[in-house]
């Protein structure tokens, strides 16, 4: 009886050891793939950050251009208004 129990325990321990070794190997492969995926995601996020930074700078530049155009138009408007007032004063 004890001999069959010992044989059974040794076989169970052997099978469990083989299964745990297999699970460990699979876990190493899984972690390696996970590291690769995280590296790729990091690259994608870095590229997205670079693109949004460039877009932000472009938007700031465009905003500056519009502010400059608005200032120029207000300057021309005030010059035109002054010129029109002087012309009316001259006509009277």
Foldseek 3Di string as FASTA:
>chain_A
DVVVVVVVVVVVVVVVVVVVVVVVVVVVVVVVVVVVVVVVVVVVVVVVVVVVVVVVVVVVVVVVVVVVVVVVVVVVVVVVVVVVVVVVVVVD
